[in-house]
Structures are given as C-alpha cells and as structure tokens.
Amino acid sequence: MKLLVLGGTEFVGRAVVEEALAMGCEVTTFNRGRHAPLPGVTALKGDRTAQGGLAELERGEWDIVVDTWSWAPSAVRDSAALLADRAGHYVYVSSRSVHPGAPSGADETAPVVEASADDGDGDYARNKMGGELGAVAAFGERALLARAGLILGPYENIGRLPWWLSRIARGGPVVAPEPADLGLQYVDARDLAVWCLEAAWNGVGGAFNVVSPAGFTTMAELLETCVRVTGSDAELRWTSADRLLAEGVRPWIDLPVWLVGDDYAFLHGADVSRAVAAGLRFRPVAETVADTWAWLQSVGGSAPQRPDRPQLGLDPKVEARLLGHQ
C-alpha cells in the first residue's frame, strides 16, 4: 500500500506513519520540514499555506492520503483537489467538535457547525468542518472523516496525559477531581491510526466518531494507573467538582481530561457504534499510560507543546490552597 501523510512528524501524524511502516506500507510525508523526517519514509517539503506550496505533490500516485490539518480549510480543499485523480482514498482526521453542543449519546448525524471549504483560518470547529467539506468535495464517497474526540498516547503535544504523568511523578498529595468513577471516553492515537488505515484500505467512507465507547475507563483508573506506572508515592486527594469550581479551577485546562455538565456529556458520551462495527479496536488504558510515560522519559520528561494550544495544568498555588482546606 502506498500512503501519503500530510503532516507525519507530530502526534497523530507520527502515529499514522509508524503504524503504516509496521504494516509494510510505502510511506511518503509532506510537511514544512520543521521536524526531522522519520526513518523509512520519503519526505517531501512544502507549505500548504503559501502560493505554489503544493508543488511537490503535483506528481505521484498513492492508495491512501491521510490529512491531519487543523487550520484554514482552504488548505484541505486545495490538497484534496490536487490529489483526487491520483489517490484512491482521502482520510481526514476531523473532530467531534464539529457537532456544537451535541447531547450525550449523539452519533454522526448530530447537527454540525456552518462552515465552508473556502474559509481561511478560524475557530477549531469551523476549521475541521470546512476541512471535511473540502475532502468530500474532491473525493466524494472516497473521503473518510475520522471525528476523533480526546486523543491520548505517546508523542502527545497537547499536554493532557503528559501533565498528569508529570504531576503524579513528583509525588505527594495530588488534587483529583470527583467523582472517581467518572466515565471517560478517548482514543489512543495509535488505535486511531490503525483504524483509519484499515478502514480506508477496505473502501470505507463517510463520517465516524472515532473514540472508545462511553465509560471505557474512569478518572480513577486513569490516575491510579499514572501512579502505578510512574512508581510514585503520590496520594490522590479526591475533591468535589463544586469545590474545584468555587476555587476557579477550569475543567479541561487546569485539570486536563476532566469536564463537567454539558461539556462532559458531549465529549465523553459519543455513540461510537458505527466505528466499532467498522473494526475500531482499543488497547487497554494501562498500555496507553505506560507507553506515554516511557516516551515522556525518553524525551527528558518534558513533552513538546503545540504553539497554538494553551499550557495546561493546575497552578501549584491553587493546588496548595485546595489541599490545605481538606
């Protein structure tokens, strides 16, 4: 299988490349060249936002294209249009954010934000929706739209699981958000990558919620696994949501992964039956956490950070105040 990855050096793109190489695929990457290409790939260089930036893609044929772009939809539109006659399938890694305020249990038919494939860079949901439209305009039923939710795993450059691992590794009492049995829904980047490749190879098209079933793990299982794999003496101090919110703790930002109310129902309550029926598989949470910790140690304990995403994690002063009142 000949694969073209638009991106391919960070987090999800890197997972796609590594899984594809393990499958024996012939892999080409296309990006701005800001990071060293992975061994075993043919690396093409270009800037999708610049005039003439797609010149390196004007030649070549591929069975599958995987695109992880998150900015101006017009870049997806232009890339997909250029490749439509020379590639078999176009996988666009989208997001469940395209469904504004969808209730718990919503599937892929939930309403989506208004967007256009011709849009410039805007908010994340419109970017992803516009990207979907650009992929479909060029590839039609040959476009596979992988609407991921929370993505975890090695190489994470957002800072969610890496923050928890780093904080827990420091030991001592750690603020943990109640309830401990809060169900979580996520996808390991490697499981997302494998499903995208296999589904595209099998000719699957259309939109899919690509995350684990609701309640696949819990906040307690996730954080207790972090304690175990780091070998830390950390003590999880379970703290009520009311107390956290009263202290100004921001769900998702100050305590990554944690959400409340409608935001929680949306992000951790998707109907994923369509993707499961199409072969989506999930590795245990212990494997995701252990592999992320091993990677984090291998890079010196500090994960890379996407410049367009905020720094995550609880202010130590706020944590001390919370712990002091328990």
C-alpha atoms as a PDB file:
ATOM      1  CA  MET A   1       0.000   0.000   0.000  1.00  0.00           C
ATOM      2  CA  LYS A   2       1.309   3.434  -0.931  1.00  0.00           C
ATOM      3  CA  LEU A   3       0.471   6.046   1.675  1.00  0.00           C
ATOM      4  CA  LEU A   4       0.810   9.833   1.654  1.00  0.00           C
ATOM      5  CA  VAL A   5       0.639  11.554   5.046  1.00  0.00           C
ATOM      6  CA  LEU A   6       0.103  15.307   5.014  1.00  0.00           C
ATOM      7  CA  GLY A   7       1.993  16.087   8.201  1.00  0.00           C
ATOM      8  CA  GLY A   8       3.523  12.981   9.667  1.00  0.00           C
ATOM      9  CA  THR A   9       6.037  14.140  12.264  1.00  0.00           C
ATOM     10  CA  GLU A  10       3.923  15.002  15.324  1.00  0.00           C
ATOM     11  CA  PHE A  11       1.411  13.117  17.495  1.00  0.00           C
ATOM     12  CA  VAL A  12      -1.401  11.706  15.318  1.00  0.00           C
ATOM     13  CA  GLY A  13       0.512  12.104  12.053  1.00  0.00           C
ATOM     14  CA  ARG A  14       3.525  10.396  13.563  1.00  0.00           C
ATOM     15  CA  ALA A  15       1.345   7.565  14.870  1.00  0.00           C
ATOM     16  CA  VAL A  16      -0.069   7.098  11.357  1.00  0.00           C
ATOM     17  CA  VAL A  17       3.420   6.915   9.873  1.00  0.00           C
ATOM     18  CA  GLU A  18       4.728   4.459  12.453  1.00  0.00           C
ATOM     19  CA  GLU A  19       1.703   2.164  12.220  1.00  0.00           C
ATOM     20  CA  ALA A  20       1.816   2.267   8.412  1.00  0.00           C
ATOM     21  CA  LEU A  21       5.503   1.353   8.362  1.00  0.00           C
ATOM     22  CA  ALA A  22       4.793  -1.523  10.735  1.00  0.00           C
ATOM     23  CA  MET A  23       2.164  -2.744   8.259  1.00  0.00           C
ATOM     24  CA  GLY A  24       4.748  -2.710   5.484  1.00  0.00           C
ATOM     25  CA  CYS A  25       3.363   0.341   3.677  1.00  0.00           C
ATOM     26  CA  GLU A  26       5.414   2.571   1.389  1.00  0.00           C
ATOM     27  CA  VAL A  27       5.108   5.931   3.143  1.00  0.00           C
ATOM     28  CA  THR A  28       5.572   9.469   1.831  1.00  0.00           C
ATOM     29  CA  THR A  29       5.212  12.502   4.096  1.00  0.00           C
ATOM     30  CA  PHE A  30       4.565  16.097   3.086  1.00  0.00           C
ATOM     31  CA  ASN A  31       5.138  18.966   5.509  1.00  0.00           C
ATOM     32  CA  ARG A  32       7.111  22.137   6.071  1.00  0.00           C
ATOM     33  CA  GLY A  33      10.183  20.246   7.234  1.00  0.00           C
ATOM     34  CA  ARG A  34      10.332  21.773  10.693  1.00  0.00           C
ATOM     35  CA  HIS A  35      10.997  18.362  12.226  1.00  0.00           C
ATOM     36  CA  ALA A  36      13.324  15.614  11.075  1.00  0.00           C
ATOM     37  CA  PRO A  37      11.502  13.037   8.927  1.00  0.00           C
ATOM     38  CA  LEU A  38      11.015   9.592  10.413  1.00  0.00           C
ATOM     39  CA  PRO A  39      13.349   6.863   9.157  1.00  0.00           C
ATOM     40  CA  GLY A  40      11.959   4.810   6.300  1.00  0.00           C
ATOM     41  CA  VAL A  41       9.797   7.480   4.672  1.00  0.00           C
ATOM     42  CA  THR A  42      10.110   9.575   1.532  1.00  0.00           C
ATOM     43  CA  ALA A  43       9.963  13.168   2.782  1.00  0.00           C
ATOM     44  CA  LEU A  44       8.516  15.899   0.581  1.00  0.00           C
ATOM     45  CA  LYS A  45       8.632  19.512   1.681  1.00  0.00           C
ATOM     46  CA  GLY A  46       6.138  22.304   1.121  1.00  0.00           C
ATOM     47  CA  ASP A  47       3.968  24.906   2.834  1.00  0.00           C
ATOM     48  CA  ARG A  48       0.260  24.365   2.207  1.00  0.00           C
ATOM     49  CA  THR A  49      -0.487  27.994   3.044  1.00  0.00           C
ATOM     50  CA  ALA A  50       1.971  29.513   0.552  1.00  0.00           C
ATOM     51  CA  GLN A  51       1.470  30.201  -3.130  1.00  0.00           C
ATOM     52  CA  GLY A  52       2.939  27.263  -5.027  1.00  0.00           C
ATOM     53  CA  GLY A  53       3.424  25.401  -1.758  1.00  0.00           C
ATOM     54  CA  LEU A  54       1.914  22.160  -3.096  1.00  0.00           C
ATOM     55  CA  ALA A  55       4.352  21.835  -5.991  1.00  0.00           C
ATOM     56  CA  GLU A  56       5.920  18.661  -4.567  1.00  0.00           C
ATOM     57  CA  LEU A  57       2.510  16.957  -4.695  1.00  0.00           C
ATOM     58  CA  GLU A  58       1.922  17.614  -8.384  1.00  0.00           C
ATOM     59  CA  ARG A  59       3.463  14.227  -9.209  1.00  0.00           C
ATOM     60  CA  GLY A  60       2.956  10.777  -7.728  1.00  0.00           C
ATOM     61  CA  GLU A  61       0.140   8.349  -7.023  1.00  0.00           C
ATOM     62  CA  TRP A  62      -0.996   6.901  -3.711  1.00  0.00           C
ATOM     63  CA  ASP A  63      -3.572   4.421  -2.480  1.00  0.00           C
ATOM     64  CA  ILE A  64      -4.418   6.448   0.615  1.00  0.00           C
ATOM     65  CA  VAL A  65      -3.881  10.022   1.775  1.00  0.00           C
ATOM     66  CA  VAL A  66      -4.121  10.880   5.484  1.00  0.00           C
ATOM     67  CA  ASP A  67      -4.553  14.549   6.372  1.00  0.00           C
ATOM     68  CA  THR A  68      -4.398  15.844   9.971  1.00  0.00           C
ATOM     69  CA  TRP A  69      -4.682  19.588   9.173  1.00  0.00           C
ATOM     70  CA  SER A  70      -6.419  21.760  11.815  1.00  0.00           C
ATOM     71  CA  TRP A  71      -6.204  25.284  10.373  1.00  0.00           C
ATOM     72  CA  ALA A  72      -7.620  27.031   7.278  1.00  0.00           C
ATOM     73  CA  PRO A  73      -9.993  24.638   5.468  1.00  0.00           C
ATOM     74  CA  SER A  74      -8.866  26.010   2.125  1.00  0.00           C
ATOM     75  CA  ALA A  75      -5.613  24.078   2.574  1.00  0.00           C
ATOM     76  CA  VAL A  76      -7.547  20.794   2.724  1.00  0.00           C
ATOM     77  CA  ARG A  77      -9.669  21.872  -0.245  1.00  0.00           C
ATOM     78  CA  ASP A  78      -6.602  22.587  -2.368  1.00  0.00           C
ATOM     79  CA  SER A  79      -4.703  19.455  -1.378  1.00  0.00           C
ATOM     80  CA  ALA A  80      -7.661  17.161  -1.908  1.00  0.00           C
ATOM     81  CA  ALA A  81      -8.492  18.709  -5.285  1.00  0.00           C
ATOM     82  CA  LEU A  82      -4.894  18.301  -6.438  1.00  0.00           C
ATOM     83  CA  LEU A  83      -4.787  14.633  -5.403  1.00  0.00           C
ATOM     84  CA  ALA A  84      -8.299  13.483  -6.336  1.00  0.00           C
ATOM     85  CA  ASP A  85      -7.267  11.824  -9.618  1.00  0.00           C
ATOM     86  CA  ARG A  86      -4.072  10.303  -8.237  1.00  0.00           C
ATOM     87  CA  ALA A  87      -5.133   8.858  -4.888  1.00  0.00           C
ATOM     88  CA  GLY A  88      -7.648   6.198  -4.020  1.00  0.00           C
ATOM     89  CA  HIS A  89      -8.931   7.321  -0.625  1.00  0.00           C
ATOM     90  CA  TYR A  90      -8.639  10.514   1.432  1.00  0.00           C
ATOM     91  CA  VAL A  91      -8.705  10.221   5.230  1.00  0.00           C
ATOM     92  CA  TYR A  92      -9.307  13.492   7.021  1.00  0.00           C
ATOM     93  CA  VAL A  93      -8.712  13.387  10.783  1.00  0.00           C
ATOM     94  CA  SER A  94     -11.502  15.639  11.940  1.00  0.00           C
ATOM     95  CA  SER A  95     -13.065  16.205  15.353  1.00  0.00           C
ATOM     96  CA  ARG A  96     -16.311  15.697  17.210  1.00  0.00           C
ATOM     97  CA  SER A  97     -16.108  19.442  17.813  1.00  0.00           C
ATOM     98  CA  VAL A  98     -17.931  19.854  14.503  1.00  0.00           C
ATOM     99  CA  HIS A  99     -21.105  18.947  16.454  1.00  0.00           C
ATOM    100  CA  PRO A 100     -21.885  22.049  18.559  1.00  0.00           C
ATOM    101  CA  GLY A 101     -23.295  21.076  21.937  1.00  0.00           C
ATOM    102  CA  ALA A 102     -24.419  17.594  20.870  1.00  0.00           C
ATOM    103  CA  PRO A 103     -26.088  15.730  23.767  1.00  0.00           C
ATOM    104  CA  SER A 104     -24.756  12.561  25.335  1.00  0.00           C
ATOM    105  CA  GLY A 105     -25.353   9.597  23.060  1.00  0.00           C
ATOM    106  CA  ALA A 106     -25.206  11.646  19.851  1.00  0.00           C
ATOM    107  CA  ASP A 107     -23.988   9.896  16.732  1.00  0.00           C
ATOM    108  CA  GLU A 108     -22.588  11.177  13.450  1.00  0.00           C
ATOM    109  CA  THR A 109     -25.960  12.551  12.344  1.00  0.00           C
ATOM    110  CA  ALA A 110     -25.994  15.284  15.024  1.00  0.00           C
ATOM    111  CA  PRO A 111     -26.085  18.862  13.668  1.00  0.00           C
ATOM    112  CA  VAL A 112     -22.752  20.367  12.620  1.00  0.00           C
ATOM    113  CA  VAL A 113     -21.400  23.916  12.602  1.00  0.00           C
ATOM    114  CA  GLU A 114     -21.774  26.009   9.484  1.00  0.00           C
ATOM    115  CA  ALA A 115     -18.527  26.215   7.567  1.00  0.00           C
ATOM    116  CA  SER A 116     -17.093  26.360   4.072  1.00  0.00           C
ATOM    117  CA  ALA A 117     -14.193  24.610   2.409  1.00  0.00           C
ATOM    118  CA  ASP A 118     -13.148  28.057   1.174  1.00  0.00           C
ATOM    119  CA  ASP A 119     -12.686  29.501   4.660  1.00  0.00           C
ATOM    120  CA  GLY A 120      -9.441  30.888   5.985  1.00  0.00           C
ATOM    121  CA  ASP A 121      -8.214  30.058   9.462  1.00  0.00           C
ATOM    122  CA  GLY A 122     -10.937  30.416  12.106  1.00  0.00           C
ATOM    123  CA  ASP A 123     -12.088  28.620  15.217  1.00  0.00           C
ATOM    124  CA  TYR A 124     -11.255  24.936  15.594  1.00  0.00           C
ATOM    125  CA  ALA A 125     -14.746  23.535  14.961  1.00  0.00           C
ATOM    126  CA  ARG A 126     -15.247  25.542  11.762  1.00  0.00           C
ATOM    127  CA  ASN A 127     -11.755  24.647  10.592  1.00  0.00           C
ATOM    128  CA  LYS A 128     -12.449  20.951  10.962  1.00  0.00           C
ATOM    129  CA  MET A 129     -15.904  21.153   9.398  1.00  0.00           C
ATOM    130  CA  GLY A 130     -14.566  23.141   6.469  1.00  0.00           C
ATOM    131  CA  GLY A 131     -11.793  20.590   6.074  1.00  0.00           C
ATOM    132  CA  GLU A 132     -14.369  17.813   5.913  1.00  0.00           C
ATOM    133  CA  LEU A 133     -16.239  19.667   3.191  1.00  0.00           C
ATOM    134  CA  GLY A 134     -13.046  20.164   1.207  1.00  0.00           C
ATOM    135  CA  ALA A 135     -12.191  16.464   1.389  1.00  0.00           C
ATOM    136  CA  VAL A 136     -15.681  15.393   0.352  1.00  0.00           C
ATOM    137  CA  ALA A 137     -15.842  17.924  -2.498  1.00  0.00           C
ATOM    138  CA  ALA A 138     -12.812  16.307  -4.107  1.00  0.00           C
ATOM    139  CA  PHE A 139     -13.165  12.656  -3.129  1.00  0.00           C
ATOM    140  CA  GLY A 140     -16.897  12.158  -2.529  1.00  0.00           C
ATOM    141  CA  GLU A 141     -17.573   8.689  -1.100  1.00  0.00           C
ATOM    142  CA  ARG A 142     -13.828   8.047  -1.138  1.00  0.00           C
ATOM    143  CA  ALA A 143     -13.403  10.521   1.736  1.00  0.00           C
ATOM    144  CA  LEU A 144     -13.216   9.023   5.235  1.00  0.00           C
ATOM    145  CA  LEU A 145     -13.883  11.543   8.011  1.00  0.00           C
ATOM    146  CA  ALA A 146     -12.487  10.378  11.355  1.00  0.00           C
ATOM    147  CA  ARG A 147     -14.155  12.532  14.009  1.00  0.00           C
ATOM    148  CA  ALA A 148     -11.900  11.958  16.982  1.00  0.00           C
ATOM    149  CA  GLY A 149     -12.577  13.179  20.495  1.00  0.00           C
ATOM    150  CA  LEU A 150      -9.979  13.145  23.254  1.00  0.00           C
ATOM    151  CA  ILE A 151      -6.755  11.675  21.822  1.00  0.00           C
ATOM    152  CA  LEU A 152      -4.064  10.293  24.128  1.00  0.00           C
ATOM    153  CA  GLY A 153      -0.863   8.324  23.704  1.00  0.00           C
ATOM    154  CA  PRO A 154       2.860   8.707  23.038  1.00  0.00           C
ATOM    155  CA  TYR A 155       4.054  11.888  21.303  1.00  0.00           C
ATOM    156  CA  GLU A 156       1.115  13.899  22.655  1.00  0.00           C
ATOM    157  CA  ASN A 157       1.899  17.573  22.050  1.00  0.00           C
ATOM    158  CA  ILE A 158      -1.232  18.965  23.695  1.00  0.00           C
ATOM    159  CA  GLY A 159      -0.220  18.307  27.304  1.00  0.00           C
ATOM    160  CA  ARG A 160      -3.113  16.365  28.815  1.00  0.00           C
ATOM    161  CA  LEU A 161      -1.821  12.950  29.821  1.00  0.00           C
ATOM    162  CA  PRO A 162       1.791  14.233  29.969  1.00  0.00           C
ATOM    163  CA  TRP A 163       0.741  16.801  32.580  1.00  0.00           C
ATOM    164  CA  TRP A 164      -0.957  14.218  34.763  1.00  0.00           C
ATOM    165  CA  LEU A 165       2.013  11.881  34.492  1.00  0.00           C
ATOM    166  CA  SER A 166       4.499  14.624  35.323  1.00  0.00           C
ATOM    167  CA  ARG A 167       2.474  15.913  38.256  1.00  0.00           C
ATOM    168  CA  ILE A 168       1.884  12.470  39.717  1.00  0.00           C
ATOM    169  CA  ALA A 169       5.527  11.513  39.229  1.00  0.00           C
ATOM    170  CA  ARG A 170       6.512  14.403  41.540  1.00  0.00           C
ATOM    171  CA  GLY A 171       4.625  12.620  44.315  1.00  0.00           C
ATOM    172  CA  GLY A 172       2.873  13.855  47.416  1.00  0.00           C
ATOM    173  CA  PRO A 173      -0.814  14.734  47.657  1.00  0.00           C
ATOM    174  CA  VAL A 174      -2.408  15.389  44.246  1.00  0.00           C
ATOM    175  CA  VAL A 175      -5.770  17.059  43.670  1.00  0.00           C
ATOM    176  CA  ALA A 176      -8.018  14.668  41.727  1.00  0.00           C
ATOM    177  CA  PRO A 177     -11.496  15.637  40.504  1.00  0.00           C
ATOM    178  CA  GLU A 178     -14.512  13.758  41.804  1.00  0.00           C
ATOM    179  CA  PRO A 179     -16.336  11.565  41.135  1.00  0.00           C
ATOM    180  CA  ALA A 180     -13.617   8.933  40.978  1.00  0.00           C
ATOM    181  CA  ASP A 181     -15.872   6.705  38.892  1.00  0.00           C
ATOM    182  CA  LEU A 182     -16.441   9.395  36.255  1.00  0.00           C
ATOM    183  CA  GLY A 183     -16.519   7.582  32.920  1.00  0.00           C
ATOM    184  CA  LEU A 184     -14.050   8.719  30.263  1.00  0.00           C
ATOM    185  CA  GLN A 185     -14.027   8.315  26.503  1.00  0.00           C
ATOM    186  CA  TYR A 186     -10.851   8.732  24.443  1.00  0.00           C
ATOM    187  CA  VAL A 187      -8.819   7.089  21.702  1.00  0.00           C
ATOM    188  CA  ASP A 188      -5.157   6.131  21.691  1.00  0.00           C
ATOM    189  CA  ALA A 189      -3.540   7.866  18.701  1.00  0.00           C
ATOM    190  CA  ARG A 190      -2.192   4.501  17.522  1.00  0.00           C
ATOM    191  CA  ASP A 191      -5.632   2.888  17.559  1.00  0.00           C
ATOM    192  CA  LEU A 192      -6.977   5.882  15.640  1.00  0.00           C
ATOM    193  CA  ALA A 193      -4.172   5.487  13.100  1.00  0.00           C
ATOM    194  CA  VAL A 194      -4.672   1.753  12.595  1.00  0.00           C
ATOM    195  CA  TRP A 195      -8.411   2.145  12.133  1.00  0.00           C
ATOM    196  CA  CYS A 196      -8.025   4.968   9.608  1.00  0.00           C
ATOM    197  CA  LEU A 197      -5.581   2.927   7.529  1.00  0.00           C
ATOM    198  CA  GLU A 198      -7.556  -0.296   7.627  1.00  0.00           C
ATOM    199  CA  ALA A 199     -10.917   1.360   7.006  1.00  0.00           C
ATOM    200  CA  ALA A 200      -9.584   3.354   4.063  1.00  0.00           C
ATOM    201  CA  TRP A 201      -7.928   0.259   2.572  1.00  0.00           C
ATOM    202  CA  ASN A 202     -11.295  -1.502   2.821  1.00  0.00           C
ATOM    203  CA  GLY A 203     -13.000   1.340   0.940  1.00  0.00           C
ATOM    204  CA  VAL A 204     -14.913   2.783   3.899  1.00  0.00           C
ATOM    205  CA  GLY A 205     -16.110   6.369   3.510  1.00  0.00           C
ATOM    206  CA  GLY A 206     -18.230   8.867   5.386  1.00  0.00           C
ATOM    207  CA  ALA A 207     -18.145  10.292   8.914  1.00  0.00           C
ATOM    208  CA  PHE A 208     -17.338   8.242  12.012  1.00  0.00           C
ATOM    209  CA  ASN A 209     -16.973   9.030  15.710  1.00  0.00           C
ATOM    210  CA  VAL A 210     -13.552   7.500  16.375  1.00  0.00           C
ATOM    211  CA  VAL A 211     -13.215   7.201  20.149  1.00  0.00           C
ATOM    212  CA  SER A 212     -13.690   4.428  22.698  1.00  0.00           C
ATOM    213  CA  PRO A 213     -17.155   3.540  23.987  1.00  0.00           C
ATOM    214  CA  ALA A 214     -18.506   5.801  26.726  1.00  0.00           C
ATOM    215  CA  GLY A 215     -17.138   4.734  30.103  1.00  0.00           C
ATOM    216  CA  PHE A 216     -14.232   2.824  28.565  1.00  0.00           C
ATOM    217  CA  THR A 217     -12.198   3.903  31.592  1.00  0.00           C
ATOM    218  CA  THR A 218     -12.756   6.114  34.635  1.00  0.00           C
ATOM    219  CA  MET A 219     -10.932   9.052  36.132  1.00  0.00           C
ATOM    220  CA  ALA A 220      -9.820   6.811  38.987  1.00  0.00           C
ATOM    221  CA  GLU A 221      -8.477   4.110  36.693  1.00  0.00           C
ATOM    222  CA  LEU A 222      -6.609   6.666  34.588  1.00  0.00           C
ATOM    223  CA  LEU A 223      -4.982   8.461  37.516  1.00  0.00           C
ATOM    224  CA  GLU A 224      -4.302   5.332  39.575  1.00  0.00           C
ATOM    225  CA  THR A 225      -2.601   3.865  36.523  1.00  0.00           C
ATOM    226  CA  CYS A 226      -0.438   7.004  36.325  1.00  0.00           C
ATOM    227  CA  VAL A 227       0.577   6.433  39.967  1.00  0.00           C
ATOM    228  CA  ARG A 228       1.435   2.819  39.283  1.00  0.00           C
ATOM    229  CA  VAL A 229       3.451   3.253  36.084  1.00  0.00           C
ATOM    230  CA  THR A 230       5.477   6.185  37.437  1.00  0.00           C
ATOM    231  CA  GLY A 231       6.261   4.336  40.672  1.00  0.00           C
ATOM    232  CA  SER A 232       5.291   7.487  42.529  1.00  0.00           C
ATOM    233  CA  ASP A 233       4.286   7.889  46.168  1.00  0.00           C
ATOM    234  CA  ALA A 234       1.533  10.270  45.031  1.00  0.00           C
ATOM    235  CA  GLU A 235      -1.672  10.265  47.049  1.00  0.00           C
ATOM    236  CA  LEU A 236      -4.785  11.156  45.078  1.00  0.00           C
ATOM    237  CA  ARG A 237      -6.931  13.565  47.071  1.00  0.00           C
ATOM    238  CA  TRP A 238     -10.392  13.346  45.550  1.00  0.00           C
ATOM    239  CA  THR A 239     -12.029  16.767  45.551  1.00  0.00           C
ATOM    240  CA  SER A 240     -15.626  17.652  44.707  1.00  0.00           C
ATOM    241  CA  ALA A 241     -16.434  19.441  41.478  1.00  0.00           C
ATOM    242  CA  ASP A 242     -18.221  22.154  43.449  1.00  0.00           C
ATOM    243  CA  ARG A 243     -15.101  22.831  45.490  1.00  0.00           C
ATOM    244  CA  LEU A 244     -12.879  22.920  42.422  1.00  0.00           C
ATOM    245  CA  LEU A 245     -15.163  25.255  40.527  1.00  0.00           C
ATOM    246  CA  ALA A 246     -15.518  27.539  43.550  1.00  0.00           C
ATOM    247  CA  GLU A 247     -11.732  27.927  43.576  1.00  0.00           C
ATOM    248  CA  GLY A 248     -11.776  28.898  39.904  1.00  0.00           C
ATOM    249  CA  VAL A 249     -10.302  25.640  38.619  1.00  0.00           C
ATOM    250  CA  ARG A 250     -11.021  25.388  34.902  1.00  0.00           C
ATOM    251  CA  PRO A 251     -12.142  21.985  33.643  1.00  0.00           C
ATOM    252  CA  TRP A 252     -10.090  20.713  30.672  1.00  0.00           C
ATOM    253  CA  ILE A 253      -7.437  23.436  31.115  1.00  0.00           C
ATOM    254  CA  ASP A 254      -6.313  23.359  34.763  1.00  0.00           C
ATOM    255  CA  LEU A 255      -7.219  19.692  35.243  1.00  0.00           C
ATOM    256  CA  PRO A 256      -6.857  18.098  31.804  1.00  0.00           C
ATOM    257  CA  VAL A 257      -9.382  15.457  30.661  1.00  0.00           C
ATOM    258  CA  TRP A 258     -11.865  16.469  33.389  1.00  0.00           C
ATOM    259  CA  LEU A 259     -15.127  18.105  32.303  1.00  0.00           C
ATOM    260  CA  VAL A 260     -18.476  18.862  33.908  1.00  0.00           C
ATOM    261  CA  GLY A 261     -22.066  19.381  32.830  1.00  0.00           C
ATOM    262  CA  ASP A 262     -22.988  19.560  29.164  1.00  0.00           C
ATOM    263  CA  ASP A 263     -19.336  19.657  28.114  1.00  0.00           C
ATOM    264  CA  TYR A 264     -18.756  16.337  29.853  1.00  0.00           C
ATOM    265  CA  ALA A 265     -21.898  14.794  28.353  1.00  0.00           C
ATOM    266  CA  PHE A 266     -20.757  15.836  24.894  1.00  0.00           C
ATOM    267  CA  LEU A 267     -17.092  14.840  24.979  1.00  0.00           C
ATOM    268  CA  HIS A 268     -17.399  11.646  26.974  1.00  0.00           C
ATOM    269  CA  GLY A 269     -20.761  10.386  25.709  1.00  0.00           C
ATOM    270  CA  ALA A 270     -20.493   9.846  21.956  1.00  0.00           C
ATOM    271  CA  ASP A 271     -22.193   6.956  20.184  1.00  0.00           C
ATOM    272  CA  VAL A 272     -19.307   5.071  18.547  1.00  0.00           C
ATOM    273  CA  SER A 273     -21.200   2.015  17.375  1.00  0.00           C
ATOM    274  CA  ARG A 274     -20.623   2.819  13.698  1.00  0.00           C
ATOM    275  CA  ALA A 275     -16.837   2.902  14.022  1.00  0.00           C
ATOM    276  CA  VAL A 276     -16.798  -0.213  16.211  1.00  0.00           C
ATOM    277  CA  ALA A 277     -18.834  -2.048  13.584  1.00  0.00           C
ATOM    278  CA  ALA A 278     -16.236  -0.902  11.040  1.00  0.00           C
ATOM    279  CA  GLY A 279     -13.413  -2.505  13.014  1.00  0.00           C
ATOM    280  CA  LEU A 280     -12.275   0.098  15.569  1.00  0.00           C
ATOM    281  CA  ARG A 281     -10.293  -1.612  18.346  1.00  0.00           C
ATOM    282  CA  PHE A 282      -8.968  -0.275  21.654  1.00  0.00           C
ATOM    283  CA  ARG A 283      -5.875  -1.144  23.655  1.00  0.00           C
ATOM    284  CA  PRO A 284      -6.112  -1.136  27.476  1.00  0.00           C
ATOM    285  CA  VAL A 285      -5.703   2.164  29.304  1.00  0.00           C
ATOM    286  CA  ALA A 286      -2.702   0.706  31.137  1.00  0.00           C
ATOM    287  CA  GLU A 287      -0.866   0.308  27.822  1.00  0.00           C
ATOM    288  CA  THR A 288      -1.603   3.867  26.741  1.00  0.00           C
ATOM    289  CA  VAL A 289      -0.427   5.303  30.060  1.00  0.00           C
ATOM    290  CA  ALA A 290       2.693   3.125  30.314  1.00  0.00           C
ATOM    291  CA  ASP A 291       3.778   3.825  26.741  1.00  0.00           C
ATOM    292  CA  THR A 292       3.196   7.568  27.167  1.00  0.00           C
ATOM    293  CA  TRP A 293       5.279   7.568  30.342  1.00  0.00           C
ATOM    294  CA  ALA A 294       8.092   5.642  28.637  1.00  0.00           C
ATOM    295  CA  TRP A 295       8.085   8.152  25.772  1.00  0.00           C
ATOM    296  CA  LEU A 296       7.961  11.114  28.155  1.00  0.00           C
ATOM    297  CA  GLN A 297      11.007   9.813  29.995  1.00  0.00           C
ATOM    298  CA  SER A 298      12.804   9.259  26.695  1.00  0.00           C
ATOM    299  CA  VAL A 299      12.476  12.979  25.840  1.00  0.00           C
ATOM    300  CA  GLY A 300      13.709  14.164  29.216  1.00  0.00           C
ATOM    301  CA  GLY A 301      10.349  14.418  30.960  1.00  0.00           C
ATOM    302  CA  SER A 302       9.105  17.498  29.112  1.00  0.00           C
ATOM    303  CA  ALA A 303       6.609  16.938  26.296  1.00  0.00           C
ATOM    304  CA  PRO A 304       6.666  19.144  23.186  1.00  0.00           C
ATOM    305  CA  GLN A 305       3.883  21.700  23.058  1.00  0.00           C
ATOM    306  CA  ARG A 306       1.850  22.829  20.084  1.00  0.00           C
ATOM    307  CA  PRO A 307       2.206  26.622  19.889  1.00  0.00           C
ATOM    308  CA  ASP A 308      -1.474  27.096  19.064  1.00  0.00           C
ATOM    309  CA  ARG A 309      -2.680  25.335  22.218  1.00  0.00           C
ATOM    310  CA  PRO A 310      -2.694  26.745  25.779  1.00  0.00           C
ATOM    311  CA  GLN A 311      -0.414  25.482  28.510  1.00  0.00           C
ATOM    312  CA  LEU A 312      -2.326  23.029  30.677  1.00  0.00           C
ATOM    313  CA  GLY A 313      -2.147  22.179  34.353  1.00  0.00           C
ATOM    314  CA  LEU A 314      -3.162  23.333  37.792  1.00  0.00           C
ATOM    315  CA  ASP A 315      -1.337  26.297  39.304  1.00  0.00           C
ATOM    316  CA  PRO A 316       0.703  24.932  42.258  1.00  0.00           C
ATOM    317  CA  LYS A 317      -0.574  27.775  44.456  1.00  0.00           C
ATOM    318  CA  VAL A 318      -4.172  26.833  43.716  1.00  0.00           C
ATOM    319  CA  GLU A 319      -3.402  23.173  44.347  1.00  0.00           C
ATOM    320  CA  ALA A 320      -1.754  24.011  47.696  1.00  0.00           C
ATOM    321  CA  ARG A 321      -4.800  26.037  48.699  1.00  0.00           C
ATOM    322  CA  LEU A 322      -7.139  23.186  47.778  1.00  0.00           C
ATOM    323  CA  LEU A 323      -5.055  20.627  49.622  1.00  0.00           C
ATOM    324  CA  GLY A 324      -4.732  22.871  52.651  1.00  0.00           C
ATOM    325  CA  HIS A 325      -8.509  23.058  53.038  1.00  0.00           C
ATOM    326  CA  GLN A 326      -9.027  19.294  53.050  1.00  0.00           C
END
